[in-house]
Amino acid sequence: MCSLYLQHRFDLLGSGWQSVSLASKNREKWLKDHLPLACIPYATTVWQMVSAGYRPIDWQLDFKSGYRWSERTWYMDIPIGHKAGVDVKVPWELARMQHLPQLAIAYAYDRNDRYWQEYCDEILDFIAQNPPRFGVNWRCTMDVGIRIANWLLAYDIFVGQGVKFSEDFEQVLARSVYDHAYHIVHNLEYSPQLTTNHYLSDIAGLLFATAHLENTTEISKWLAFSQREIISEMKREFHGDGSNFEASTSYHCLSTELMLHSALLIKRLPRELQVELPEWFWCRLVRAVGFVEKCSIDGVLQQIGDADSGHFFKLAPRYHKLTKAGAYERYQNLAPQQLVDDVYYDEDMQNHEEVLSYRELLPFADDMQEVKNAGDLHEVWKHLRDAWSDSGRENVYHIADEHVNLLLNLHVYAYTGMGLYIWKSDRLHLIVRCGEVGQNGSGGHSHNDQLSLTLTLDGKTIIADPGSYLYTPDPVMRNKFRGTAMHFTPQPMSGIEQNEWVDGQRGLFSIKKDRTNAQVLYVGRDGIIMRHDGFGTPVWRVVEICSDGIVVTDYGVNLKRWKNPGVFSNGYGKLLKL
């Protein structure tokens, strides 16, 4: 990928590999036309340090829609979600600069000086075009934190390989590292009621910045603060079982990465600067990594809730090679002229093997206990059926298999914190969702997916959660993809949602109230029995695990059957026989 990065070609958020360069060739004139007057002298000095043949990147551009923010706009005045189809996450994602550590790693292999020169040029380019607190790339503190951490990780890798940067570059970089730290401290995404992955990213970025700055009184306070907050956020955002309170497997992975790298950095600080990480912290972190393993198949995460595709670092992203025709067929948003190479590199956004690779660096092994039978599913089910009203309707879906014994080497895990229940055997991978809506009831990244399930047999996907592929550019599609109808869960005839969204832009990341009251009534090796109240009257779902298949039984008033259950299939065996 490094050859593409040297050409300033990036594939972000489904864009396809696109060239992202500034149109103007006169750098000094461009700065005078675009930057605030007071920022021009320093920006000019910095830009003069960039290599003569370097072509600047357009850091303010949503290159998917063509919309561009202004470098002169004060960061708090940057509009978000104000135009249909415009995605602020595109410039944010690019400005995280997560490709820079990849350049540093590539340099370690082939000693190509273009990699460290590109590193210098891109950072100088960014500093010149993005004066502190102006433009889109200072609007979200989370992205400020992720960016500075990636700058510094790449720096450490280069220096570790013997690269010696110029004194002028070192001074400019140090000044910008301080600017990032100062910005983070004064723009923390904190609330006494709720802190999320955003605040955790702020703190992790501050930790990386202050760990690399000269240890003045001010920096020392910020460094100690960031360490204490890392510990505090582990208790706030991760349950005792290691699952994350965002109620999304992707956001769990992002937050786990933030915790992993922060903890390992703290352990590398001089002893006199370290805040000790307690034993419970490490135990929870180990279980968080174990959660990723249990939710994955060969490192590929099964999606529950929002899919941000976000990472703290992307040191070794996994790619599939597609032909031009294959890429165009798979991603119909790609224009043929974008596919300029014979091979299209398609990133596997759900692959989190990198997180799992850190297990050997942690002080403990995952001690998550398997679920043992609490009784007999049929006995509990019998008592429920006796209590069900005759006015209800029972729908039965039989996911059958011609082969035998799905139960061979079966392991069952209950993550009651998030509300995920996992069955894994040699042939079966089943995840069932029943629990909290996440974020202390705010529901920012959870879906209306109570009682839903994902299912893989022999490595073939049978039922999948579609996640959510965008946020602010299209509120209608955002809400559709997190709605009840998009998940394999009991469906009401009325089309009512399990939970309602808050009105307006804020509602894209919050619900009015959790009215589902989702409960697990029984869980064991033979299955699970659940209920929720989101439709006004109770609905139940029973998932029975048999040696030759899975039986899903729904019961409730005014439930409808799936019009085409095969929509969840992948052409595998005898599927969903009704």
Protein backbone atom coordinates (compact mmCIF):
# COMPACT_ATOMS: atom_id res chain seq x y z
CA MET A 1 0.00 0.00 0.00
CA CYS A 2 2.93 2.32 0.59
CA SER A 3 3.37 2.97 -3.13
CA LEU A 4 -0.23 4.18 -3.24
CA TYR A 5 0.32 6.42 -0.20
CA LEU A 6 3.35 7.99 -1.88
CA GLN A 7 1.00 8.94 -4.73
CA HIS A 8 -1.45 10.39 -2.17
CA ARG A 9 -4.06 7.81 -3.07
CA PHE A 10 -6.35 6.70 -0.27
CA ASP A 11 -9.33 4.37 0.12
CA LEU A 12 -11.41 5.67 3.03
CA LEU A 13 -14.95 4.83 4.11
CA GLY A 14 -15.79 3.08 0.85
CA SER A 15 -14.38 5.79 -1.41
CA GLY A 16 -12.22 3.56 -3.58
CA TRP A 17 -8.55 4.44 -4.14
CA GLN A 18 -8.67 8.13 -4.97
CA SER A 19 -5.98 10.75 -5.46
CA VAL A 20 -6.35 13.54 -2.90
CA SER A 21 -4.19 16.48 -3.89
CA LEU A 22 -4.49 20.23 -3.71
CA ALA A 23 -5.23 21.83 -7.08
CA SER A 24 -3.04 24.91 -6.60
CA LYS A 25 0.63 24.75 -7.62
CA ASN A 26 1.58 28.12 -6.08
CA ARG A 27 1.89 27.27 -2.40
CA GLU A 28 2.54 30.76 -1.03
CA LYS A 29 -0.34 32.34 -2.94
CA TRP A 30 -2.63 29.53 -1.84
CA LEU A 31 -1.79 30.13 1.83
CA LYS A 32 -2.50 33.85 1.50
CA ASP A 33 -5.85 33.14 -0.16
CA HIS A 34 -7.02 30.55 2.35
CA LEU A 35 -5.49 30.90 5.82
CA PRO A 36 -6.32 33.42 8.57
CA LEU A 37 -4.00 36.41 8.18
CA ALA A 38 -2.18 35.87 11.49
CA CYS A 39 -1.34 32.27 10.59
CA ILE A 40 0.25 32.94 7.21
CA PRO A 41 3.86 33.81 8.24
CA TYR A 42 4.47 30.60 10.23
CA ALA A 43 2.59 28.46 7.70
CA THR A 44 4.77 29.90 4.91
CA THR A 45 7.93 29.09 6.85
CA VAL A 46 6.78 25.54 7.47
CA TRP A 47 5.65 24.93 3.90
CA GLN A 48 9.03 26.10 2.60
CA MET A 49 10.55 23.11 4.41
CA VAL A 50 8.55 20.67 2.26
CA SER A 51 10.38 18.86 -0.55
CA ALA A 52 10.26 20.62 -3.91
CA GLY A 53 8.58 17.74 -5.74
CA TYR A 54 5.94 17.14 -3.10
CA ARG A 55 2.31 17.76 -4.12
CA PRO A 56 0.20 18.97 -1.16
CA ILE A 57 -2.83 17.03 0.07
CA ASP A 58 -6.23 18.70 0.31
CA TRP A 59 -6.94 18.10 3.99
CA GLN A 60 -10.29 19.94 4.06
CA LEU A 61 -12.00 17.98 1.27
CA ASP A 62 -14.71 15.34 1.48
CA PHE A 63 -13.42 13.73 -1.69
CA LYS A 64 -16.47 11.45 -1.89
CA SER A 65 -18.97 14.29 -2.30
CA GLY A 66 -16.66 17.08 -3.46
CA TYR A 67 -17.64 19.37 -0.57
CA ARG A 68 -14.83 21.37 1.01
CA TRP A 69 -14.61 23.09 4.40
CA SER A 70 -12.63 26.31 4.89
CA GLU A 71 -9.27 26.65 6.62
CA ARG A 72 -10.39 30.05 7.88
CA THR A 73 -13.36 28.73 9.84
CA TRP A 74 -12.96 28.61 13.61
CA TYR A 75 -13.10 24.94 14.59
CA MET A 76 -16.23 25.24 16.74
CA ASP A 77 -18.09 26.86 13.83
CA ILE A 78 -17.44 23.96 11.45
CA PRO A 79 -20.84 22.70 10.18
CA ILE A 80 -21.62 18.99 10.44
CA GLY A 81 -24.55 17.23 8.79
CA HIS A 82 -25.68 20.45 7.14
CA LYS A 83 -25.78 19.09 3.57
CA ALA A 84 -27.15 15.79 2.32
CA GLY A 85 -24.44 13.42 1.16
CA VAL A 86 -21.59 15.34 2.79
CA ASP A 87 -19.55 13.24 5.21
CA VAL A 88 -17.29 15.06 7.68
CA LYS A 89 -15.70 11.73 8.58
CA VAL A 90 -13.85 11.62 5.24
CA PRO A 91 -11.40 14.48 5.99
CA TRP A 92 -11.28 13.39 9.63
CA GLU A 93 -10.32 9.86 8.61
CA LEU A 94 -7.61 11.08 6.23
CA ALA A 95 -6.22 13.50 8.81
CA ARG A 96 -5.84 10.69 11.35
CA MET A 97 -2.84 9.81 9.12
CA GLN A 98 -2.90 6.17 10.13
CA HIS A 99 -0.88 5.29 7.07
CA LEU A 100 2.25 6.96 8.46
CA PRO A 101 3.21 4.09 10.82
CA GLN A 102 2.84 1.78 7.82
CA LEU A 103 5.45 3.86 5.98
CA ALA A 104 7.73 3.55 9.00
CA ILE A 105 7.29 -0.22 9.14
CA ALA A 106 7.96 -0.47 5.39
CA TYR A 107 11.18 1.51 5.89
CA ALA A 108 12.32 -1.08 8.42
CA TYR A 109 12.10 -3.70 5.66
CA ASP A 110 13.61 -2.04 2.59
CA ARG A 111 15.29 1.20 3.81
CA ASN A 112 13.58 3.31 1.16
CA ASP A 113 14.34 6.93 2.09
CA ARG A 114 11.18 8.08 0.29
CA TYR A 115 9.17 6.73 3.23
CA TRP A 116 10.68 8.94 5.92
CA GLN A 117 10.80 11.91 3.55
CA GLU A 118 7.08 11.43 2.83
CA TYR A 119 6.47 11.26 6.59
CA CYS A 120 8.20 14.63 7.05
CA ASP A 121 6.50 16.24 4.06
CA GLU A 122 2.98 15.17 5.04
CA ILE A 123 3.36 16.42 8.60
CA LEU A 124 4.79 19.74 7.45
CA ASP A 125 2.06 19.98 4.82
CA PHE A 126 -0.62 19.36 7.45
CA ILE A 127 0.84 21.86 9.92
CA ALA A 128 1.05 24.55 7.25
CA GLN A 129 -2.52 24.07 6.03
CA ASN A 130 -4.19 23.40 9.39
CA PRO A 131 -3.27 26.08 11.93
CA PRO A 132 -4.40 25.11 15.44
CA ARG A 133 -8.16 25.47 16.00
CA PHE A 134 -8.96 26.44 12.41
CA GLY A 135 -10.61 24.18 9.86
CA VAL A 136 -12.38 20.84 9.92
CA ASN A 137 -9.50 18.80 11.34
CA TRP A 138 -9.60 20.45 14.76
CA ARG A 139 -13.36 20.07 15.16
CA CYS A 140 -13.38 16.59 16.72
CA THR A 141 -10.93 16.13 19.58
CA MET A 142 -11.04 12.35 19.13
CA ASP A 143 -9.42 12.69 15.73
CA VAL A 144 -6.86 15.15 17.07
CA GLY A 145 -5.82 12.53 19.63
CA ILE A 146 -5.64 9.68 17.12
CA ARG A 147 -3.64 11.83 14.69
CA ILE A 148 -0.92 12.86 17.14
CA ALA A 149 -0.55 9.29 18.41
CA ASN A 150 0.01 8.07 14.84
CA TRP A 151 2.54 10.82 14.16
CA LEU A 152 4.52 9.85 17.25
CA LEU A 153 4.33 6.08 16.79
CA ALA A 154 5.67 6.48 13.24
CA TYR A 155 8.36 8.83 14.57
CA ASP A 156 9.48 6.25 17.15
CA ILE A 157 9.65 3.49 14.53
CA PHE A 158 11.73 5.64 12.17
CA VAL A 159 14.09 6.72 14.94
CA GLY A 160 14.37 3.13 16.11
CA GLN A 161 15.56 2.25 12.60
CA GLY A 162 18.30 4.90 12.73
CA VAL A 163 16.58 7.77 10.87
CA LYS A 164 17.89 11.16 11.98
CA PHE A 165 15.50 14.01 11.31
CA SER A 166 16.70 17.58 10.82
CA GLU A 167 16.74 19.93 13.79
CA ASP A 168 14.30 22.26 12.01
CA PHE A 169 11.82 19.43 11.49
CA GLU A 170 12.20 18.29 15.11
CA GLN A 171 11.38 21.80 16.33
CA VAL A 172 8.31 22.15 14.11
CA LEU A 173 7.09 18.69 15.11
CA ALA A 174 7.59 19.36 18.83
CA ARG A 175 5.67 22.62 18.57
CA SER A 176 2.76 20.86 16.85
CA VAL A 177 2.79 18.02 19.39
CA TYR A 178 2.37 20.64 22.10
CA ASP A 179 -0.41 22.33 20.07
CA HIS A 180 -2.22 19.00 19.86
CA ALA A 181 -1.83 18.34 23.59
CA TYR A 182 -2.99 21.85 24.47
CA HIS A 183 -6.00 21.51 22.18
CA ILE A 184 -6.97 18.16 23.68
CA VAL A 185 -6.74 19.41 27.27
CA HIS A 186 -8.99 22.38 26.49
CA ASN A 187 -11.48 20.45 24.34
CA LEU A 188 -12.02 17.18 26.17
CA GLU A 189 -15.18 15.37 25.05
CA TYR A 190 -16.20 14.86 28.65
CA SER A 191 -19.49 14.92 30.48
CA PRO A 192 -20.10 13.89 34.11
CA GLN A 193 -23.08 11.88 32.81
CA LEU A 194 -21.38 10.10 29.92
CA THR A 195 -17.89 9.51 28.53
CA THR A 196 -17.43 7.33 25.46
CA ASN A 197 -14.80 6.17 22.97
CA HIS A 198 -14.38 9.84 22.02
CA TYR A 199 -13.14 10.82 25.47
CA LEU A 200 -10.99 7.70 25.64
CA SER A 201 -9.38 8.70 22.31
CA ASP A 202 -8.77 12.20 23.68
CA ILE A 203 -7.00 10.80 26.73
CA ALA A 204 -4.96 8.27 24.74
CA GLY A 205 -3.80 11.00 22.34
CA LEU A 206 -2.88 13.24 25.28
CA LEU A 207 -0.91 10.38 26.83
CA PHE A 208 1.12 9.85 23.66
CA ALA A 209 1.76 13.58 23.23
CA THR A 210 2.87 14.24 26.80
CA ALA A 211 5.00 11.08 26.91
CA HIS A 212 7.05 12.55 24.03
CA LEU A 213 7.29 16.17 25.22
CA GLU A 214 9.87 17.70 27.54
CA ASN A 215 8.75 17.03 31.11
CA THR A 216 7.87 20.53 32.30
CA THR A 217 5.52 21.17 35.23
CA GLU A 218 2.62 21.65 32.81
CA ILE A 219 3.39 18.53 30.77
CA SER A 220 3.93 16.47 33.92
CA LYS A 221 0.43 17.35 35.14
CA TRP A 222 -1.11 16.45 31.80
CA LEU A 223 0.81 13.16 31.69
CA ALA A 224 -0.33 12.15 35.17
CA PHE A 225 -3.90 13.20 34.38
CA SER A 226 -4.03 11.11 31.19
CA GLN A 227 -2.80 8.01 33.04
CA ARG A 228 -5.35 8.38 35.83
CA GLU A 229 -8.13 8.87 33.31
CA ILE A 230 -7.12 5.75 31.37
CA ILE A 231 -7.67 3.78 34.58
CA SER A 232 -10.95 5.59 35.27
CA GLU A 233 -12.28 4.96 31.76
CA MET A 234 -11.52 1.26 31.99
CA LYS A 235 -13.95 1.13 34.90
CA ARG A 236 -16.54 3.35 33.18
CA GLU A 237 -16.50 1.92 29.67
CA PHE A 238 -15.67 -1.77 30.17
CA HIS A 239 -17.76 -4.21 32.17
CA GLY A 240 -16.18 -6.65 34.57
CA ASP A 241 -16.51 -9.39 31.96
CA GLY A 242 -14.43 -7.35 29.52
CA SER A 243 -17.24 -6.32 27.17
CA ASN A 244 -17.67 -2.65 26.28
CA PHE A 245 -20.60 -0.45 27.18
CA GLU A 246 -20.98 0.92 23.62
CA ALA A 247 -23.08 -2.20 22.72
CA SER A 248 -21.17 -2.50 19.43
CA THR A 249 -18.51 -5.08 18.66
CA SER A 250 -16.63 -2.65 16.37
CA TYR A 251 -16.53 0.07 19.01
CA HIS A 252 -15.46 -2.54 21.52
CA CYS A 253 -12.44 -3.26 19.30
CA LEU A 254 -11.61 0.43 18.91
CA SER A 255 -11.78 1.05 22.66
CA THR A 256 -9.76 -2.11 23.36
CA GLU A 257 -7.03 -0.88 20.99
CA LEU A 258 -6.96 2.47 22.79
CA MET A 259 -6.62 0.73 26.15
CA LEU A 260 -3.99 -1.75 24.92
CA HIS A 261 -1.63 0.80 23.43
CA SER A 262 -2.12 3.24 26.31
CA ALA A 263 -1.38 0.58 28.92
CA LEU A 264 1.72 -0.65 27.09
CA LEU A 265 3.00 2.92 26.71
CA ILE A 266 2.47 3.62 30.42
CA LYS A 267 4.57 0.55 31.25
CA ARG A 268 7.42 1.98 29.15
CA LEU A 269 7.47 5.34 30.94
CA PRO A 270 10.23 6.03 33.47
CA ARG A 271 9.20 4.64 36.85
CA GLU A 272 9.01 8.09 38.42
CA LEU A 273 6.45 9.18 35.81
CA GLN A 274 4.27 6.05 35.88
CA VAL A 275 0.87 5.79 37.51
CA GLU A 276 0.53 2.16 38.54
CA LEU A 277 -2.09 0.19 36.66
CA PRO A 278 -3.98 -1.98 39.17
CA GLU A 279 -4.42 -5.71 38.75
CA TRP A 280 -8.16 -5.41 38.06
CA PHE A 281 -7.30 -3.10 35.13
CA TRP A 282 -5.13 -5.77 33.49
CA CYS A 283 -7.72 -8.49 34.16
CA ARG A 284 -10.43 -6.43 32.48
CA LEU A 285 -8.14 -5.64 29.54
CA VAL A 286 -7.29 -9.31 29.05
CA ARG A 287 -10.98 -10.18 29.03
CA ALA A 288 -11.63 -7.39 26.52
CA VAL A 289 -9.13 -8.99 24.14
CA GLY A 290 -10.72 -12.38 24.82
CA PHE A 291 -14.10 -10.90 23.89
CA VAL A 292 -12.68 -9.95 20.48
CA GLU A 293 -11.43 -13.51 19.97
CA LYS A 294 -14.77 -15.07 20.89
CA CYS A 295 -16.70 -12.69 18.61
CA SER A 296 -14.38 -13.44 15.67
CA ILE A 297 -13.89 -16.18 13.12
CA ASP A 298 -10.24 -16.44 12.07
CA GLY A 299 -9.70 -12.87 13.24
CA VAL A 300 -12.72 -11.48 11.39
CA LEU A 301 -15.12 -9.77 13.77
CA GLN A 302 -18.85 -10.54 13.65
CA GLN A 303 -20.77 -7.28 13.52
CA ILE A 304 -23.20 -6.20 16.24
CA GLY A 305 -24.33 -2.57 16.43
CA ASP A 306 -22.62 0.28 14.60
CA ALA A 307 -19.63 -0.44 12.35
CA ASP A 308 -17.35 2.57 12.39
CA SER A 309 -14.40 0.63 10.93
CA GLY A 310 -12.34 2.77 13.28
CA HIS A 311 -8.92 1.90 14.64
CA PHE A 312 -6.40 3.63 16.87
CA PHE A 313 -3.48 2.33 14.81
CA LYS A 314 -3.53 0.40 11.51
CA LEU A 315 -0.10 -1.19 11.56
CA ALA A 316 -0.88 -4.19 9.37
CA PRO A 317 -4.31 -3.90 7.72
CA ARG A 318 -5.48 -6.98 5.83
CA TYR A 319 -6.42 -6.73 2.15
CA HIS A 320 -8.13 -8.96 -0.39
CA LYS A 321 -6.95 -8.73 -3.99
CA LEU A 322 -9.74 -8.14 -6.49
CA THR A 323 -9.67 -7.76 -10.24
CA LYS A 324 -11.01 -4.57 -11.78
CA ALA A 325 -14.18 -6.36 -12.81
CA GLY A 326 -14.54 -7.96 -9.39
CA ALA A 327 -14.10 -4.65 -7.58
CA TYR A 328 -16.61 -2.87 -9.82
CA GLU A 329 -19.13 -5.68 -9.38
CA ARG A 330 -18.75 -5.69 -5.60
CA TYR A 331 -18.71 -1.91 -5.11
CA GLN A 332 -21.04 -0.33 -7.61
CA ASN A 333 -20.23 3.15 -6.27
CA LEU A 334 -16.78 2.88 -7.87
CA ALA A 335 -16.38 4.61 -11.19
CA PRO A 336 -14.42 2.61 -13.80
CA GLN A 337 -11.87 5.44 -14.09
CA GLN A 338 -10.98 4.97 -10.42
CA LEU A 339 -9.78 1.43 -11.07
CA VAL A 340 -6.48 2.39 -12.66
CA ASP A 341 -4.55 -0.63 -11.38
CA ASP A 342 -4.82 -4.21 -12.53
CA VAL A 343 -5.34 -5.31 -8.92
CA TYR A 344 -7.75 -3.61 -6.52
CA TYR A 345 -6.75 -3.88 -2.85
CA ASP A 346 -9.89 -4.25 -0.77
CA GLU A 347 -9.32 -3.74 2.95
CA ASP A 348 -10.96 -6.24 5.32
CA MET A 349 -12.32 -3.70 7.77
CA GLN A 350 -13.61 -6.36 10.16
CA ASN A 351 -10.28 -8.12 10.59
CA HIS A 352 -8.95 -7.50 14.08
CA GLU A 353 -6.14 -10.04 14.25
CA GLU A 354 -3.87 -7.18 15.26
CA VAL A 355 -5.71 -6.83 18.58
CA LEU A 356 -5.38 -10.56 19.23
CA SER A 357 -1.64 -10.46 18.57
CA TYR A 358 -1.12 -8.47 21.77
CA ARG A 359 -2.30 -11.29 24.04
CA GLU A 360 1.23 -12.51 24.72
CA LEU A 361 2.23 -9.06 26.03
CA LEU A 362 -0.45 -9.08 28.71
CA PRO A 363 0.29 -10.36 32.21
CA PHE A 364 -2.66 -12.77 32.52
CA ALA A 365 -4.58 -15.26 30.43
CA ASP A 366 -8.28 -14.79 29.69
CA ASP A 367 -10.20 -16.34 32.59
CA MET A 368 -13.69 -15.93 31.15
CA GLN A 369 -15.80 -18.83 32.46
CA GLU A 370 -17.89 -20.95 30.14
CA VAL A 371 -21.64 -21.25 30.66
CA LYS A 372 -22.80 -24.52 32.17
CA ASN A 373 -26.40 -25.69 31.88
CA ALA A 374 -28.51 -23.94 34.49
CA GLY A 375 -31.32 -26.43 33.97
CA ASP A 376 -33.23 -27.71 30.99
CA LEU A 377 -34.37 -25.40 28.20
CA HIS A 378 -37.48 -27.48 27.46
CA GLU A 379 -38.58 -27.40 31.08
CA VAL A 380 -38.35 -23.59 31.24
CA TRP A 381 -40.01 -23.33 27.83
CA LYS A 382 -42.92 -25.53 28.92
CA HIS A 383 -43.76 -23.22 31.80
CA LEU A 384 -43.60 -20.21 29.49
CA ARG A 385 -45.91 -21.78 26.93
CA ASP A 386 -48.45 -22.52 29.62
CA ALA A 387 -48.50 -18.82 30.49
CA TRP A 388 -48.68 -17.51 26.90
CA SER A 389 -51.99 -16.09 25.77
CA ASP A 390 -53.90 -17.95 23.05
CA SER A 391 -54.17 -14.67 21.16
CA GLY A 392 -50.45 -14.71 20.37
CA ARG A 393 -48.70 -16.24 17.40
CA GLU A 394 -45.80 -18.68 17.41
CA ASN A 395 -43.36 -18.56 14.50
CA VAL A 396 -40.79 -21.32 14.09
CA TYR A 397 -37.64 -21.14 11.94
CA HIS A 398 -35.59 -24.31 11.54
CA ILE A 399 -32.03 -23.78 10.36
CA ALA A 400 -31.18 -27.35 9.38
CA ASP A 401 -28.04 -29.08 8.23
CA GLU A 402 -27.51 -32.38 6.45
CA HIS A 403 -24.33 -33.02 8.38
CA VAL A 404 -24.24 -34.00 12.03
CA ASN A 405 -23.12 -32.71 15.39
CA LEU A 406 -22.91 -28.95 15.62
CA LEU A 407 -22.20 -29.57 19.30
CA LEU A 408 -18.74 -31.12 18.89
CA ASN A 409 -16.31 -29.19 21.13
CA LEU A 410 -19.03 -26.63 21.91
CA HIS A 411 -18.09 -23.68 24.14
CA VAL A 412 -20.63 -21.18 25.45
CA TYR A 413 -19.88 -17.71 26.86
CA ALA A 414 -22.21 -15.17 28.46
CA TYR A 415 -21.13 -11.53 28.33
CA THR A 416 -23.96 -10.21 30.45
CA GLY A 417 -22.47 -6.71 30.61
CA MET A 418 -23.05 -5.93 26.94
CA GLY A 419 -25.69 -8.62 26.50
CA LEU A 420 -23.97 -10.99 24.07
CA TYR A 421 -24.19 -14.78 24.27
CA ILE A 422 -21.81 -16.82 22.13
CA TRP A 423 -21.82 -20.47 21.05
CA LYS A 424 -18.63 -21.69 19.33
CA SER A 425 -17.89 -25.24 18.19
CA ASP A 426 -15.86 -26.85 15.41
CA ARG A 427 -18.65 -26.00 12.96
CA LEU A 428 -20.87 -23.43 14.65
CA HIS A 429 -20.49 -19.76 15.54
CA LEU A 430 -23.65 -18.20 16.95
CA ILE A 431 -24.02 -14.81 18.66
CA VAL A 432 -27.29 -13.82 20.35
CA ARG A 433 -28.02 -10.28 21.48
CA CYS A 434 -30.07 -9.50 24.59
CA GLY A 435 -29.08 -6.79 27.05
CA GLU A 436 -28.29 -3.13 27.55
CA VAL A 437 -28.72 -0.52 24.81
CA GLY A 438 -25.29 0.90 25.62
CA GLN A 439 -23.74 4.17 26.76
CA ASN A 440 -25.63 4.17 30.07
CA GLY A 441 -28.96 4.04 28.26
CA SER A 442 -28.12 6.65 25.61
CA GLY A 443 -27.90 4.01 22.88
CA GLY A 444 -25.49 6.00 20.71
CA HIS A 445 -23.97 3.06 18.85
CA SER A 446 -26.42 0.24 19.54
CA HIS A 447 -29.22 -0.87 17.21
CA ASN A 448 -32.79 -2.01 17.67
CA ASP A 449 -31.45 -5.56 17.65
CA GLN A 450 -32.67 -7.11 20.90
CA LEU A 451 -33.14 -10.89 20.56
CA SER A 452 -31.35 -10.87 17.19
CA LEU A 453 -28.66 -13.34 16.18
CA THR A 454 -25.80 -13.86 13.77
CA LEU A 455 -24.92 -17.33 12.55
CA THR A 456 -22.04 -18.97 10.72
CA LEU A 457 -21.84 -22.68 9.85
CA ASP A 458 -18.61 -24.22 8.59
CA GLY A 459 -17.26 -20.74 7.93
CA LYS A 460 -20.22 -19.75 5.74
CA THR A 461 -22.37 -16.82 6.80
CA ILE A 462 -26.03 -17.72 7.24
CA ILE A 463 -27.33 -14.71 9.18
CA ALA A 464 -25.43 -11.44 9.46
CA ASP A 465 -25.94 -8.06 11.07
CA PRO A 466 -25.52 -5.31 8.42
CA GLY A 467 -24.06 -2.77 10.83
CA SER A 468 -24.36 0.91 9.85
CA TYR A 469 -22.32 2.17 6.93
CA LEU A 470 -22.74 5.93 7.48
CA TYR A 471 -23.90 8.50 10.01
CA THR A 472 -24.59 12.16 9.20
CA PRO A 473 -24.64 12.20 5.34
CA ASP A 474 -27.98 10.38 5.14
CA PRO A 475 -30.07 10.32 8.36
CA VAL A 476 -32.82 8.23 6.74
CA MET A 477 -30.42 5.43 5.80
CA ARG A 478 -28.61 5.75 9.11
CA ASN A 479 -31.86 5.05 10.98
CA LYS A 480 -32.96 2.36 8.55
CA PHE A 481 -29.82 0.31 9.07
CA ARG A 482 -30.08 0.45 12.85
CA GLY A 483 -33.82 -0.26 12.79
CA THR A 484 -35.62 -3.40 13.91
CA ALA A 485 -36.44 -4.56 10.37
CA MET A 486 -32.76 -4.84 9.43
CA HIS A 487 -32.08 -7.49 12.06
CA PHE A 488 -33.08 -11.14 12.41
CA THR A 489 -35.32 -10.50 15.40
CA PRO A 490 -39.10 -10.76 16.04
CA GLN A 491 -40.91 -8.33 13.73
CA PRO A 492 -44.18 -6.54 14.63
CA MET A 493 -46.99 -6.30 12.10
CA SER A 494 -47.24 -2.56 12.82
CA GLY A 495 -43.60 -1.87 11.93
CA ILE A 496 -43.02 -0.17 15.28
CA GLU A 497 -39.41 0.16 16.42
CA GLN A 498 -38.10 -1.47 19.59
CA ASN A 499 -36.90 1.97 20.69
CA GLU A 500 -37.54 5.43 19.23
CA TRP A 501 -34.83 7.90 18.22
CA VAL A 502 -34.41 11.36 19.67
CA ASP A 503 -35.53 13.98 17.13
CA GLY A 504 -33.08 15.85 14.90
CA GLN A 505 -29.36 15.47 14.38
CA ARG A 506 -28.79 14.44 17.99
CA GLY A 507 -31.08 11.48 17.44
CA LEU A 508 -28.56 9.88 15.09
CA PHE A 509 -26.62 8.93 18.22
CA SER A 510 -29.25 8.55 20.93
CA ILE A 511 -32.62 7.03 21.73
CA LYS A 512 -35.49 8.56 23.68
CA LYS A 513 -35.68 5.78 26.24
CA ASP A 514 -34.88 2.10 26.53
CA ARG A 515 -38.33 0.56 26.63
CA THR A 516 -37.22 -2.96 25.66
CA ASN A 517 -36.28 -4.14 29.16
CA ALA A 518 -34.55 -7.06 27.44
CA GLN A 519 -34.09 -10.08 29.68
CA VAL A 520 -32.52 -13.52 29.44
CA LEU A 521 -34.76 -16.08 31.14
CA TYR A 522 -32.51 -19.09 30.51
CA VAL A 523 -29.13 -19.72 28.93
CA GLY A 524 -27.21 -22.97 28.62
CA ARG A 525 -25.38 -25.21 26.19
CA ASP A 526 -28.73 -26.19 24.69
CA GLY A 527 -29.83 -22.64 23.90
CA ILE A 528 -31.33 -19.44 25.23
CA ILE A 529 -34.76 -18.03 26.10
CA MET A 530 -35.28 -14.24 25.99
CA ARG A 531 -37.95 -11.56 25.99
CA HIS A 532 -38.34 -7.81 25.49
CA ASP A 533 -41.17 -5.27 25.89
CA GLY A 534 -40.26 -2.79 23.14
CA PHE A 535 -43.49 -3.23 21.15
CA GLY A 536 -45.81 -2.48 24.07
CA THR A 537 -46.57 -6.15 24.69
CA PRO A 538 -43.98 -8.82 25.48
CA VAL A 539 -42.28 -10.87 22.79
CA TRP A 540 -40.26 -14.01 23.43
CA ARG A 541 -37.59 -15.80 21.44
CA VAL A 542 -36.27 -19.29 22.07
CA VAL A 543 -33.08 -20.40 20.29
CA GLU A 544 -32.53 -24.14 20.61
CA ILE A 545 -29.10 -25.59 19.76
CA CYS A 546 -29.39 -29.15 18.40
CA SER A 547 -26.75 -31.47 17.00
CA ASP A 548 -28.24 -31.22 13.49
CA GLY A 549 -29.50 -27.65 13.41
CA ILE A 550 -30.87 -24.62 15.21
CA VAL A 551 -34.54 -23.97 15.95
CA VAL A 552 -35.66 -20.38 16.50
CA THR A 553 -39.15 -19.92 17.95
CA ASP A 554 -40.77 -16.48 18.36
CA TYR A 555 -43.94 -15.76 20.26
CA GLY A 556 -45.95 -12.58 20.74
CA VAL A 557 -49.06 -10.67 19.76
CA ASN A 558 -49.21 -9.36 16.18
CA LEU A 559 -45.87 -10.70 15.04
CA LYS A 560 -45.30 -11.28 11.34
CA ARG A 561 -43.37 -14.00 9.63
CA TRP A 562 -40.40 -13.17 7.48
CA LYS A 563 -41.61 -12.74 3.90
CA ASN A 564 -38.38 -14.20 2.58
CA PRO A 565 -36.27 -15.78 5.29
CA GLY A 566 -33.81 -16.87 2.62
CA VAL A 567 -32.60 -13.26 2.42
CA PHE A 568 -30.43 -14.15 5.39
CA SER A 569 -29.02 -17.25 3.73
CA ASN A 570 -25.90 -17.84 1.69
CA GLY A 571 -27.27 -20.78 -0.26
CA TYR A 572 -26.13 -23.18 2.42
CA GLY A 573 -27.78 -26.57 2.84
CA LYS A 574 -31.38 -26.80 4.01
CA LEU A 575 -31.80 -23.34 5.39
CA LEU A 576 -34.65 -21.83 7.37
CA LYS A 577 -37.19 -24.55 6.63
CA LEU A 578 -40.58 -23.26 7.75
